[in-house]
Amino acid sequence: MTRSVFIKIFGNHDLYWDNDPLAAINLQRIYGQKVNIYEGLILKTTVNKKELEVYLTHGHQGDLQSDGNWFSKWFVSDIWAPFQAYLHINPNTPANNNELKTAHNRMMYQWSSKRKNMLLITGHTHQPVFKSVTHLEKLYEELEQAEKGNNTQLIEDLKKQINSRENKGDKMPDFKGYLDTYFNSGCCCFDDGDITGIEIADGCIRLIKWQYAAESQESGVKNQDKKSERIVLEESKLGNLKLETRNQESGVKMKKMINKKS
């Protein structure tokens, strides 16, 4: 807020920020300054001497129940969301429907993979995705490697993480992208208070989790004040992301060679 760079991106659960004429006034009252409200945002930077675009949006776009259906959008925003908050329940769709999760993730990946030098970061499914792979899939891959190396401590830790993700509703989907173009921030309303998100800083992109610390690392005393701690689940340098297939890369190199000869 001190740098005036905070931006509100609305989704199908909070259409109030888009369609209520008093939304901007209320945001200014809450934060003490004007806050921009958009349906999507494109950040631009340079990585490895190439321009990289990062497209941020909620991700309900393309979901027939949430996008382009005025009644559904109104019901979710004005009726269902307050009802969920009051009863502390979270049976969202496609957030709690694994077939819809997989289909929506695949659709988001396919769209992003056809764009040049662009990352797509969404939410909506409540399922974390990092480099076009769901976090649950990544844990299973790491478990397989740990079992091959007979690393008992790591195996136990990974099984706990897998069990935690499955208890939050994740199932092993039939989805895996080939390019590192699609990311999903996950969810900010897990039943145990955990929040996942995507962070871009210091030339890196990270899947992070905020959770209530079970106990103090130093004293071993249980966390009575519910203080939160930040955990990095996955991390990658922006310059190491695979954004093109070999055929695309070869085509670019061939075009450069032809231009040089001419």
Protein backbone atom coordinates (compact mmCIF):
# COMPACT_ATOMS: atom_id res chain seq x y z
CA MET A 1 0.00 0.00 0.00
CA THR A 2 2.86 2.40 0.76
CA ARG A 3 4.09 1.95 -2.83
CA SER A 4 0.55 2.38 -4.25
CA VAL A 5 0.78 -0.88 -6.18
CA PHE A 6 -2.03 -2.85 -4.52
CA ILE A 7 -4.65 -3.95 -7.07
CA LYS A 8 -7.93 -5.76 -6.55
CA ILE A 9 -8.79 -8.47 -9.11
CA PHE A 10 -12.35 -9.69 -8.80
CA GLY A 11 -13.77 -13.13 -9.52
CA ASN A 12 -17.18 -14.78 -9.62
CA HIS A 13 -17.41 -14.79 -5.80
CA ASP A 14 -16.83 -11.07 -5.36
CA LEU A 15 -18.56 -9.38 -8.28
CA TYR A 16 -19.54 -6.63 -5.86
CA TRP A 17 -16.17 -5.00 -6.55
CA ASP A 18 -17.10 -4.80 -10.24
CA ASN A 19 -20.80 -4.00 -10.37
CA ASP A 20 -21.46 -1.87 -7.30
CA PRO A 21 -20.92 1.88 -7.84
CA LEU A 22 -19.91 2.26 -4.18
CA ALA A 23 -17.20 -0.43 -4.34
CA ALA A 24 -14.37 2.00 -5.07
CA ILE A 25 -15.50 4.26 -2.21
CA ASN A 26 -15.61 1.36 0.24
CA LEU A 27 -12.15 0.14 -0.80
CA GLN A 28 -10.76 3.63 -0.30
CA ARG A 29 -12.39 3.75 3.15
CA ILE A 30 -10.84 0.36 4.07
CA TYR A 31 -7.32 1.01 2.76
CA GLY A 32 -7.14 4.77 3.11
CA GLN A 33 -6.36 5.34 -0.57
CA LYS A 34 -7.71 4.62 -4.03
CA VAL A 35 -7.49 0.96 -5.10
CA ASN A 36 -7.70 -0.07 -8.74
CA ILE A 37 -10.18 -2.86 -9.55
CA TYR A 38 -9.74 -5.05 -12.63
CA GLU A 39 -10.91 -8.40 -14.00
CA GLY A 40 -7.38 -9.13 -15.18
CA LEU A 41 -3.89 -7.65 -15.16
CA ILE A 42 -0.76 -8.17 -17.27
CA LEU A 43 2.63 -7.60 -15.65
CA LYS A 44 5.63 -7.14 -17.94
CA THR A 45 9.28 -7.79 -17.20
CA THR A 46 12.45 -8.90 -18.99
CA VAL A 47 13.99 -12.34 -18.41
CA ASN A 48 17.04 -13.60 -20.32
CA LYS A 49 16.80 -10.53 -22.57
CA LYS A 50 13.25 -11.49 -23.57
CA GLU A 51 10.04 -9.77 -22.62
CA LEU A 52 7.91 -11.90 -20.30
CA GLU A 53 4.25 -11.21 -19.66
CA VAL A 54 2.48 -12.48 -16.54
CA TYR A 55 -1.30 -12.57 -16.96
CA LEU A 56 -3.20 -12.48 -13.66
CA THR A 57 -6.90 -13.26 -13.47
CA HIS A 58 -9.27 -15.10 -11.14
CA GLY A 59 -9.78 -17.98 -13.58
CA HIS A 60 -13.58 -18.32 -13.66
CA GLN A 61 -13.42 -17.26 -17.29
CA GLY A 62 -14.49 -20.18 -19.46
CA ASP A 63 -16.39 -21.89 -16.63
CA LEU A 64 -19.97 -22.03 -17.94
CA GLN A 65 -21.41 -21.94 -14.42
CA SER A 66 -19.46 -18.81 -13.47
CA ASP A 67 -18.70 -16.90 -16.67
CA GLY A 68 -21.32 -15.25 -18.87
CA ASN A 69 -24.23 -16.52 -16.74
CA TRP A 70 -25.68 -13.49 -15.01
CA PHE A 71 -27.94 -15.46 -12.65
CA SER A 72 -25.18 -17.85 -11.57
CA LYS A 73 -22.72 -15.00 -11.02
CA TRP A 74 -25.28 -13.03 -9.00
CA PHE A 75 -26.27 -16.07 -6.93
CA VAL A 76 -22.67 -17.04 -6.13
CA SER A 77 -21.65 -13.48 -5.29
CA ASP A 78 -24.69 -12.22 -3.36
CA ILE A 79 -26.28 -15.37 -1.90
CA TRP A 80 -23.91 -18.33 -1.87
CA ALA A 81 -20.70 -16.58 -0.75
CA PRO A 82 -22.30 -14.95 2.36
CA PHE A 83 -24.05 -18.27 3.14
CA GLN A 84 -20.71 -20.12 2.96
CA ALA A 85 -19.03 -17.55 5.18
CA TYR A 86 -21.81 -17.76 7.77
CA LEU A 87 -21.79 -21.59 7.96
CA HIS A 88 -18.00 -21.95 7.45
CA ILE A 89 -18.46 -24.41 4.58
CA ASN A 90 -16.47 -24.65 1.37
CA PRO A 91 -18.15 -26.96 -1.21
CA ASN A 92 -17.27 -24.70 -4.15
CA THR A 93 -17.51 -25.73 -7.80
CA PRO A 94 -15.23 -26.67 -9.48
CA ALA A 95 -13.16 -26.37 -6.28
CA ASN A 96 -14.61 -29.56 -4.79
CA ASN A 97 -15.35 -31.43 -8.02
CA ASN A 98 -12.19 -33.20 -9.19
CA GLU A 99 -13.42 -33.83 -12.73
CA LEU A 100 -14.18 -30.14 -13.14
CA LYS A 101 -10.84 -29.23 -11.57
CA THR A 102 -8.98 -31.34 -14.08
CA ALA A 103 -11.02 -30.09 -17.04
CA HIS A 104 -10.62 -26.46 -16.01
CA ASN A 105 -6.90 -26.82 -15.32
CA ARG A 106 -6.42 -28.47 -18.70
CA MET A 107 -8.33 -25.67 -20.42
CA MET A 108 -6.25 -22.99 -18.67
CA TYR A 109 -3.02 -24.78 -19.56
CA GLN A 110 -3.98 -25.25 -23.21
CA TRP A 111 -4.79 -21.54 -23.51
CA SER A 112 -1.54 -20.46 -21.84
CA SER A 113 0.64 -22.89 -23.81
CA LYS A 114 -0.38 -21.24 -27.08
CA ARG A 115 0.84 -17.81 -25.95
CA LYS A 116 4.38 -16.65 -26.55
CA ASN A 117 6.51 -15.69 -23.53
CA MET A 118 3.51 -15.54 -21.20
CA LEU A 119 2.66 -17.06 -17.83
CA LEU A 120 -0.95 -17.47 -16.74
CA ILE A 121 -1.72 -17.27 -13.02
CA THR A 122 -5.28 -17.98 -11.92
CA GLY A 123 -7.26 -19.34 -8.97
CA HIS A 124 -10.89 -20.56 -9.03
CA THR A 125 -10.26 -24.33 -8.77
CA HIS A 126 -8.76 -24.03 -5.24
CA GLN A 127 -6.09 -26.50 -6.38
CA PRO A 128 -2.46 -25.26 -6.37
CA VAL A 129 -0.65 -25.69 -9.70
CA PHE A 130 3.04 -24.88 -10.20
CA LYS A 131 4.75 -25.03 -13.60
CA SER A 132 1.62 -26.69 -15.07
CA VAL A 133 1.75 -29.53 -12.53
CA THR A 134 -0.61 -29.78 -9.55
CA HIS A 135 1.16 -29.69 -6.21
CA LEU A 136 -0.25 -33.13 -5.36
CA GLU A 137 1.28 -34.61 -8.52
CA LYS A 138 4.62 -33.06 -7.62
CA LEU A 139 4.49 -34.61 -4.15
CA TYR A 140 3.81 -38.05 -5.62
CA GLU A 141 6.77 -37.63 -7.99
CA GLU A 142 9.02 -36.67 -5.07
CA LEU A 143 7.70 -39.64 -3.08
CA GLU A 144 8.61 -41.99 -5.90
CA GLN A 145 12.17 -40.64 -5.96
CA ALA A 146 12.44 -40.84 -2.17
CA GLU A 147 11.31 -44.48 -2.22
CA LYS A 148 13.91 -45.29 -4.87
CA GLY A 149 16.57 -43.73 -2.65
CA ASN A 150 15.16 -45.42 0.46
CA ASN A 151 15.02 -42.06 2.26
CA THR A 152 12.72 -43.05 5.12
CA GLN A 153 12.55 -39.60 6.76
CA LEU A 154 11.63 -37.90 3.47
CA ILE A 155 9.13 -40.64 2.64
CA GLU A 156 7.34 -40.09 5.94
CA ASP A 157 7.30 -36.30 5.47
CA LEU A 158 5.97 -36.55 1.89
CA LYS A 159 3.24 -38.99 2.90
CA LYS A 160 2.09 -36.52 5.56
CA GLN A 161 1.99 -33.72 2.98
CA ILE A 162 0.09 -35.92 0.51
CA ASN A 163 -2.40 -36.90 3.18
CA SER A 164 -2.86 -33.22 4.09
CA ARG A 165 -3.56 -32.26 0.46
CA GLU A 166 -5.99 -35.14 -0.02
CA ASN A 167 -7.80 -34.17 3.18
CA LYS A 168 -8.21 -30.71 1.66
CA GLY A 169 -10.02 -32.30 -1.31
CA ASP A 170 -7.24 -32.80 -3.84
CA LYS A 171 -7.27 -36.01 -5.89
CA MET A 172 -4.73 -37.29 -8.40
CA PRO A 173 -6.00 -35.77 -11.67
CA ASP A 174 -5.28 -36.89 -15.19
CA PHE A 175 -3.58 -33.60 -15.98
CA LYS A 176 -0.02 -32.56 -16.62
CA GLY A 177 1.23 -29.79 -18.84
CA TYR A 178 4.43 -29.96 -20.88
CA LEU A 179 5.34 -26.27 -20.68
CA ASP A 180 5.77 -24.22 -17.50
CA THR A 181 3.12 -21.69 -18.53
CA TYR A 182 0.27 -22.30 -16.08
CA PHE A 183 0.15 -21.56 -12.35
CA ASN A 184 -2.75 -21.65 -9.90
CA SER A 185 -2.65 -19.87 -6.56
CA GLY A 186 -4.81 -22.49 -4.85
CA CYS A 187 -7.10 -21.34 -2.05
CA CYS A 188 -7.40 -18.78 0.73
CA CYS A 189 -10.17 -20.53 2.66
CA PHE A 190 -9.00 -24.04 3.57
CA ASP A 191 -10.86 -25.44 6.58
CA ASP A 192 -7.72 -25.45 8.75
CA GLY A 193 -6.95 -21.82 7.99
CA ASP A 194 -4.13 -22.48 5.49
CA ILE A 195 -3.68 -20.07 2.59
CA THR A 196 -1.73 -20.85 -0.58
CA GLY A 197 -0.58 -18.33 -3.15
CA ILE A 198 1.83 -17.56 -5.97
CA GLU A 199 4.67 -15.15 -5.20
CA ILE A 200 7.03 -13.49 -7.70
CA ALA A 201 10.12 -11.86 -6.17
CA ASP A 202 13.90 -11.76 -6.56
CA GLY A 203 13.76 -13.22 -10.06
CA CYS A 204 11.86 -16.29 -8.80
CA ILE A 205 8.31 -17.58 -8.85
CA ARG A 206 7.14 -19.53 -5.80
CA LEU A 207 4.19 -21.52 -4.57
CA ILE A 208 3.87 -20.49 -0.93
CA LYS A 209 1.65 -21.44 1.97
CA TRP A 210 0.70 -19.46 5.04
CA GLN A 211 -0.33 -21.64 7.97
CA TYR A 212 -0.80 -21.36 11.70
CA ALA A 213 2.45 -22.43 13.34
CA ALA A 214 1.77 -25.51 15.46
CA GLU A 215 4.52 -24.59 17.86
CA SER A 216 7.38 -22.19 18.23
CA GLN A 217 10.52 -23.40 16.49
CA GLU A 218 12.68 -22.12 19.33
CA SER A 219 10.73 -22.95 22.49
CA GLY A 220 8.55 -25.85 21.36
CA VAL A 221 5.57 -24.12 23.01
CA LYS A 222 2.23 -24.59 21.30
CA ASN A 223 1.10 -21.60 19.27
CA GLN A 224 -1.69 -20.19 21.43
CA ASP A 225 -1.91 -16.89 19.55
CA LYS A 226 -2.37 -18.56 16.14
CA LYS A 227 0.61 -16.78 14.63
CA SER A 228 1.03 -17.54 10.95
CA GLU A 229 4.19 -18.68 9.21
CA ARG A 230 5.18 -18.57 5.54
CA ILE A 231 6.40 -21.80 3.89
CA VAL A 232 7.83 -22.09 0.37
CA LEU A 233 6.35 -25.22 -1.21
CA GLU A 234 7.95 -24.89 -4.64
CA GLU A 235 10.31 -22.42 -6.28
CA SER A 236 11.85 -21.77 -9.69
CA LYS A 237 13.93 -19.08 -11.32
CA LEU A 238 11.90 -17.22 -13.94
CA GLY A 239 14.77 -17.69 -16.36
CA ASN A 240 14.58 -21.48 -15.96
CA LEU A 241 10.93 -21.83 -16.95
CA LYS A 242 10.25 -23.85 -20.09
CA LEU A 243 7.97 -21.63 -22.18
CA GLU A 244 8.57 -23.09 -25.65
CA THR A 245 8.63 -26.57 -27.14
CA ARG A 246 11.72 -27.74 -28.97
CA ASN A 247 9.92 -27.27 -32.28
CA GLN A 248 9.13 -23.66 -31.40
CA GLU A 249 12.72 -23.02 -30.30
CA SER A 250 14.09 -24.64 -33.47
CA GLY A 251 11.76 -22.54 -35.59
CA VAL A 252 13.00 -19.33 -33.97
CA LYS A 253 16.65 -20.33 -34.47
CA MET A 254 16.01 -21.28 -38.09
CA LYS A 255 14.32 -17.95 -38.76
CA LYS A 256 17.32 -16.10 -37.29
CA MET A 257 19.71 -18.09 -39.48
CA ILE A 258 17.66 -17.30 -42.61
CA ASN A 259 17.59 -13.60 -41.74
CA LYS A 260 21.38 -13.56 -41.27
CA LYS A 261 21.96 -15.21 -44.67
CA SER A 262 19.66 -12.79 -46.42
